[in-house]
Amino acid sequence: MINNIEDEIREMVSKILEVPVEELAPGVDFFKDLNVDSLKAIEIVAAFEKKYRIIVPEDDIPKIRNLGQLIEYTKNITS
């Protein structure tokens, strides 16, 4: 089941950023490596919140800088 969550998150982020799934390695920094701006970051968080029916506290948003961190965050919330 964890792999399904990872695949879902990777697909979701890929679509939002319009980046091929293969380029979304867990450690690729959204801001430095993929040039994500604040609007795209908000779009990722909004999609994430809607998909998993959660609210990400504002203090946590800057801590999620790559796919690996987003996946870990999801595992912690959904477990």
C-alpha atoms as a PDB file:
ATOM      1  CA  MET A   1       0.000   0.000   0.000  1.00  0.00           C
ATOM      2  CA  ILE A   2       2.855   2.394   0.724  1.00  0.00           C
ATOM      3  CA  ASN A   3       4.074   2.091  -2.870  1.00  0.00           C
ATOM      4  CA  ASN A   4       0.608   3.057  -4.077  1.00  0.00           C
ATOM      5  CA  ILE A   5       0.704   6.214  -1.967  1.00  0.00           C
ATOM      6  CA  GLU A   6       4.185   7.016  -3.256  1.00  0.00           C
ATOM      7  CA  ASP A   7       3.066   6.502  -6.851  1.00  0.00           C
ATOM      8  CA  GLU A   8      -0.057   8.628  -6.309  1.00  0.00           C
ATOM      9  CA  ILE A   9       1.962  11.483  -4.843  1.00  0.00           C
ATOM     10  CA  ARG A  10       4.605  11.278  -7.573  1.00  0.00           C
ATOM     11  CA  GLU A  11       1.869  11.345 -10.272  1.00  0.00           C
ATOM     12  CA  MET A  12       0.072  14.256  -8.625  1.00  0.00           C
ATOM     13  CA  VAL A  13       3.218  16.363  -8.310  1.00  0.00           C
ATOM     14  CA  SER A  14       4.282  15.449 -11.849  1.00  0.00           C
ATOM     15  CA  LYS A  15       0.995  16.723 -13.273  1.00  0.00           C
ATOM     16  CA  ILE A  16       1.016  19.936 -11.244  1.00  0.00           C
ATOM     17  CA  LEU A  17       4.621  20.782 -12.097  1.00  0.00           C
ATOM     18  CA  GLU A  18       4.338  19.487 -15.657  1.00  0.00           C
ATOM     19  CA  VAL A  19       7.522  17.501 -15.115  1.00  0.00           C
ATOM     20  CA  PRO A  20       8.032  13.890 -16.220  1.00  0.00           C
ATOM     21  CA  VAL A  21       7.635  11.403 -13.363  1.00  0.00           C
ATOM     22  CA  GLU A  22      11.191  10.166 -14.017  1.00  0.00           C
ATOM     23  CA  GLU A  23      12.587  13.589 -13.049  1.00  0.00           C
ATOM     24  CA  LEU A  24      10.941  13.468  -9.627  1.00  0.00           C
ATOM     25  CA  ALA A  25      13.549  11.625  -7.620  1.00  0.00           C
ATOM     26  CA  PRO A  26      12.928  11.777  -3.849  1.00  0.00           C
ATOM     27  CA  GLY A  27      15.757  14.267  -3.211  1.00  0.00           C
ATOM     28  CA  VAL A  28      15.131  16.698  -6.072  1.00  0.00           C
ATOM     29  CA  ASP A  29      14.448  20.079  -4.470  1.00  0.00           C
ATOM     30  CA  PHE A  30      11.212  21.584  -5.778  1.00  0.00           C
ATOM     31  CA  PHE A  31      12.538  25.148  -5.518  1.00  0.00           C
ATOM     32  CA  LYS A  32      16.233  24.883  -6.386  1.00  0.00           C
ATOM     33  CA  ASP A  33      16.169  22.067  -8.937  1.00  0.00           C
ATOM     34  CA  LEU A  34      12.717  22.435 -10.514  1.00  0.00           C
ATOM     35  CA  ASN A  35      12.266  26.214 -10.144  1.00  0.00           C
ATOM     36  CA  VAL A  36       8.907  25.850  -8.405  1.00  0.00           C
ATOM     37  CA  ASP A  37       7.469  29.217  -7.421  1.00  0.00           C
ATOM     38  CA  SER A  38       5.261  29.928  -4.426  1.00  0.00           C
ATOM     39  CA  LEU A  39       2.042  29.592  -6.461  1.00  0.00           C
ATOM     40  CA  LYS A  40       2.976  26.093  -7.639  1.00  0.00           C
ATOM     41  CA  ALA A  41       3.956  25.169  -4.087  1.00  0.00           C
ATOM     42  CA  ILE A  42       0.527  26.272  -2.870  1.00  0.00           C
ATOM     43  CA  GLU A  43      -1.080  24.285  -5.693  1.00  0.00           C
ATOM     44  CA  ILE A  44       0.812  21.157  -4.589  1.00  0.00           C
ATOM     45  CA  VAL A  45      -0.265  21.630  -0.972  1.00  0.00           C
ATOM     46  CA  ALA A  46      -3.889  22.294  -1.968  1.00  0.00           C
ATOM     47  CA  ALA A  47      -4.022  19.155  -4.131  1.00  0.00           C
ATOM     48  CA  PHE A  48      -2.359  17.143  -1.370  1.00  0.00           C
ATOM     49  CA  GLU A  49      -4.856  18.422   1.224  1.00  0.00           C
ATOM     50  CA  LYS A  50      -7.807  17.670  -1.029  1.00  0.00           C
ATOM     51  CA  LYS A  51      -6.596  14.180  -1.980  1.00  0.00           C
ATOM     52  CA  TYR A  52      -5.863  13.058   1.577  1.00  0.00           C
ATOM     53  CA  ARG A  53      -8.515  15.190   3.304  1.00  0.00           C
ATOM     54  CA  ILE A  54      -6.089  16.822   5.671  1.00  0.00           C
ATOM     55  CA  ILE A  55      -4.904  20.312   6.496  1.00  0.00           C
ATOM     56  CA  VAL A  56      -1.183  20.993   6.335  1.00  0.00           C
ATOM     57  CA  PRO A  57      -0.273  23.566   9.003  1.00  0.00           C
ATOM     58  CA  GLU A  58       1.374  26.677   7.552  1.00  0.00           C
ATOM     59  CA  ASP A  59       4.497  26.026   9.635  1.00  0.00           C
ATOM     60  CA  ASP A  60       4.962  22.640   7.932  1.00  0.00           C
ATOM     61  CA  ILE A  61       4.737  23.890   4.346  1.00  0.00           C
ATOM     62  CA  PRO A  62       8.299  25.294   4.090  1.00  0.00           C
ATOM     63  CA  LYS A  63       9.655  22.006   5.479  1.00  0.00           C
ATOM     64  CA  ILE A  64       8.365  20.047   2.481  1.00  0.00           C
ATOM     65  CA  ARG A  65      10.946  20.795  -0.193  1.00  0.00           C
ATOM     66  CA  ASN A  66      11.085  17.559  -2.181  1.00  0.00           C
ATOM     67  CA  LEU A  67       9.145  14.458  -3.098  1.00  0.00           C
ATOM     68  CA  GLY A  68      10.785  12.340  -0.407  1.00  0.00           C
ATOM     69  CA  GLN A  69       9.705  14.761   2.323  1.00  0.00           C
ATOM     70  CA  LEU A  70       6.182  14.916   0.910  1.00  0.00           C
ATOM     71  CA  ILE A  71       5.946  11.115   0.911  1.00  0.00           C
ATOM     72  CA  GLU A  72       7.257  10.902   4.487  1.00  0.00           C
ATOM     73  CA  TYR A  73       4.814  13.585   5.583  1.00  0.00           C
ATOM     74  CA  THR A  74       1.974  11.582   4.042  1.00  0.00           C
ATOM     75  CA  LYS A  75       3.081   8.347   5.715  1.00  0.00           C
ATOM     76  CA  ASN A  76       3.147  10.081   9.099  1.00  0.00           C
ATOM     77  CA  ILE A  77      -0.324  11.537   8.627  1.00  0.00           C
ATOM     78  CA  THR A  78      -2.041   8.488   7.130  1.00  0.00           C
ATOM     79  CA  SER A  79      -0.597   5.876   9.473  1.00  0.00           C
END
